[in-house]
Amino acid sequence: MTAKERVLEVMKKEGSPMNAGKITEISGLERKEVDKAMKDLKDEGVIISPKRCFWEPA
């Protein structure tokens, strides 16, 4: 499973907007990996930000 897949899985499982710190804590990935995965997911339009610094699947 790639970092992007893991980040998306954690977001879907949680069911509410999350910040990168919480995703890092739950996923077990390094913060650097989470940040890169979230940037890629955002650029692809897979995740959206309903409020500043919090993200959820689109």
N, C-alpha and C. Protein backbone atom coordinates (compact mmCIF):
# COMPACT_ATOMS: atom_id res chain seq x y z
N MET A 1 0.85 -1.18 0.00
CA MET A 1 0.00 0.00 0.00
C MET A 1 0.90 1.25 0.00
N THR A 2 0.58 2.17 -0.89
CA THR A 2 1.38 3.40 -0.96
C THR A 2 0.97 4.36 0.14
N ALA A 3 1.78 5.37 0.36
CA ALA A 3 1.46 6.38 1.37
C ALA A 3 0.15 7.09 1.03
N LYS A 4 -0.07 7.37 -0.26
CA LYS A 4 -1.32 8.03 -0.68
C LYS A 4 -2.53 7.16 -0.36
N GLU A 5 -2.42 5.87 -0.63
CA GLU A 5 -3.53 4.96 -0.34
C GLU A 5 -3.79 4.88 1.16
N ARG A 6 -2.72 4.84 1.95
CA ARG A 6 -2.85 4.75 3.40
C ARG A 6 -3.50 6.02 3.97
N VAL A 7 -3.07 7.19 3.49
CA VAL A 7 -3.63 8.46 3.95
C VAL A 7 -5.13 8.52 3.61
N LEU A 8 -5.48 8.15 2.40
CA LEU A 8 -6.88 8.17 1.99
C LEU A 8 -7.71 7.18 2.80
N GLU A 9 -7.16 6.02 3.07
CA GLU A 9 -7.85 5.00 3.87
C GLU A 9 -8.14 5.53 5.28
N VAL A 10 -7.15 6.17 5.90
CA VAL A 10 -7.32 6.73 7.25
C VAL A 10 -8.40 7.80 7.24
N MET A 11 -8.38 8.67 6.22
CA MET A 11 -9.38 9.74 6.13
C MET A 11 -10.80 9.17 5.99
N LYS A 12 -10.95 8.18 5.13
CA LYS A 12 -12.27 7.58 4.92
C LYS A 12 -12.76 6.87 6.17
N LYS A 13 -11.86 6.19 6.85
CA LYS A 13 -12.23 5.44 8.06
C LYS A 13 -12.65 6.39 9.18
N GLU A 14 -11.96 7.52 9.32
CA GLU A 14 -12.25 8.49 10.38
C GLU A 14 -13.61 9.16 10.16
N GLY A 15 -13.90 9.50 8.90
CA GLY A 15 -15.21 10.06 8.59
C GLY A 15 -15.41 11.53 8.92
N SER A 16 -14.37 12.22 9.33
CA SER A 16 -14.47 13.65 9.59
C SER A 16 -13.17 14.32 9.14
N PRO A 17 -13.21 15.63 8.87
CA PRO A 17 -12.00 16.32 8.42
C PRO A 17 -10.85 16.14 9.42
N MET A 18 -9.66 15.93 8.88
CA MET A 18 -8.48 15.67 9.71
C MET A 18 -7.32 16.55 9.28
N ASN A 19 -6.42 16.82 10.22
CA ASN A 19 -5.19 17.53 9.87
C ASN A 19 -4.06 16.51 9.70
N ALA A 20 -2.95 16.96 9.15
CA ALA A 20 -1.83 16.06 8.85
C ALA A 20 -1.27 15.41 10.11
N GLY A 21 -1.27 16.12 11.22
CA GLY A 21 -0.75 15.56 12.48
C GLY A 21 -1.54 14.36 12.93
N LYS A 22 -2.85 14.45 12.84
CA LYS A 22 -3.72 13.34 13.25
C LYS A 22 -3.56 12.15 12.29
N ILE A 23 -3.44 12.43 11.00
CA ILE A 23 -3.24 11.36 10.01
C ILE A 23 -1.91 10.66 10.28
N THR A 24 -0.87 11.43 10.59
CA THR A 24 0.43 10.86 10.90
C THR A 24 0.33 9.93 12.11
N GLU A 25 -0.37 10.39 13.13
CA GLU A 25 -0.54 9.62 14.37
C GLU A 25 -1.26 8.29 14.11
N ILE A 26 -2.33 8.33 13.35
CA ILE A 26 -3.15 7.14 13.11
C ILE A 26 -2.49 6.19 12.11
N SER A 27 -1.91 6.74 11.05
CA SER A 27 -1.39 5.91 9.96
C SER A 27 -0.06 5.22 10.28
N GLY A 28 0.72 5.84 11.17
CA GLY A 28 2.04 5.28 11.46
C GLY A 28 3.09 5.69 10.44
N LEU A 29 2.70 6.52 9.48
CA LEU A 29 3.65 7.02 8.48
C LEU A 29 4.43 8.20 9.06
N GLU A 30 5.55 8.53 8.42
CA GLU A 30 6.30 9.72 8.84
C GLU A 30 5.58 10.97 8.33
N ARG A 31 5.74 12.06 9.04
CA ARG A 31 5.07 13.31 8.68
C ARG A 31 5.42 13.74 7.25
N LYS A 32 6.67 13.57 6.88
CA LYS A 32 7.13 13.94 5.55
C LYS A 32 6.36 13.16 4.47
N GLU A 33 6.14 11.86 4.70
CA GLU A 33 5.39 11.03 3.76
C GLU A 33 3.94 11.48 3.67
N VAL A 34 3.35 11.79 4.83
CA VAL A 34 1.95 12.23 4.87
C VAL A 34 1.79 13.56 4.13
N ASP A 35 2.69 14.50 4.36
CA ASP A 35 2.63 15.80 3.69
C ASP A 35 2.70 15.64 2.17
N LYS A 36 3.63 14.80 1.69
CA LYS A 36 3.78 14.59 0.25
C LYS A 36 2.53 13.91 -0.32
N ALA A 37 2.04 12.90 0.37
CA ALA A 37 0.84 12.19 -0.10
C ALA A 37 -0.36 13.13 -0.15
N MET A 38 -0.52 13.97 0.87
CA MET A 38 -1.64 14.91 0.90
C MET A 38 -1.53 15.94 -0.22
N LYS A 39 -0.32 16.40 -0.50
CA LYS A 39 -0.12 17.35 -1.59
C LYS A 39 -0.53 16.72 -2.91
N ASP A 40 -0.08 15.47 -3.14
CA ASP A 40 -0.43 14.77 -4.37
C ASP A 40 -1.93 14.55 -4.48
N LEU A 41 -2.56 14.13 -3.39
CA LEU A 41 -4.01 13.89 -3.38
C LEU A 41 -4.78 15.19 -3.64
N LYS A 42 -4.29 16.29 -3.06
CA LYS A 42 -4.93 17.59 -3.27
C LYS A 42 -4.81 18.00 -4.74
N ASP A 43 -3.62 17.85 -5.31
CA ASP A 43 -3.39 18.21 -6.71
C ASP A 43 -4.25 17.38 -7.66
N GLU A 44 -4.54 16.14 -7.27
CA GLU A 44 -5.36 15.25 -8.09
C GLU A 44 -6.86 15.47 -7.87
N GLY A 45 -7.20 16.30 -6.87
CA GLY A 45 -8.59 16.59 -6.58
C GLY A 45 -9.30 15.49 -5.79
N VAL A 46 -8.52 14.62 -5.15
CA VAL A 46 -9.09 13.50 -4.40
C VAL A 46 -9.52 13.93 -3.00
N ILE A 47 -8.82 14.92 -2.43
CA ILE A 47 -9.20 15.44 -1.11
C ILE A 47 -9.48 16.94 -1.22
N ILE A 48 -10.34 17.40 -0.31
CA ILE A 48 -10.68 18.83 -0.27
C ILE A 48 -10.53 19.33 1.16
N SER A 49 -10.45 20.64 1.29
CA SER A 49 -10.30 21.26 2.60
C SER A 49 -11.56 22.04 2.96
N PRO A 50 -12.40 21.48 3.86
CA PRO A 50 -13.61 22.20 4.26
C PRO A 50 -13.32 23.37 5.20
N LYS A 51 -12.18 23.31 5.89
CA LYS A 51 -11.74 24.41 6.73
C LYS A 51 -10.22 24.39 6.79
N ARG A 52 -9.63 25.49 7.11
CA ARG A 52 -8.19 25.64 7.07
C ARG A 52 -7.45 24.52 7.81
N CYS A 53 -6.51 23.91 7.10
CA CYS A 53 -5.61 22.87 7.63
C CYS A 53 -6.30 21.55 7.93
N PHE A 54 -7.54 21.37 7.54
CA PHE A 54 -8.24 20.11 7.72
C PHE A 54 -8.68 19.60 6.35
N TRP A 55 -8.57 18.30 6.16
CA TRP A 55 -8.84 17.70 4.86
C TRP A 55 -9.76 16.51 4.99
N GLU A 56 -10.49 16.23 3.88
CA GLU A 56 -11.37 15.07 3.83
C GLU A 56 -11.46 14.63 2.37
N PRO A 57 -11.87 13.37 2.14
CA PRO A 57 -12.02 12.91 0.75
C PRO A 57 -13.07 13.74 0.03
N ALA A 58 -12.84 13.99 -1.24
CA ALA A 58 -13.77 14.79 -2.06
C ALA A 58 -15.06 14.03 -2.33
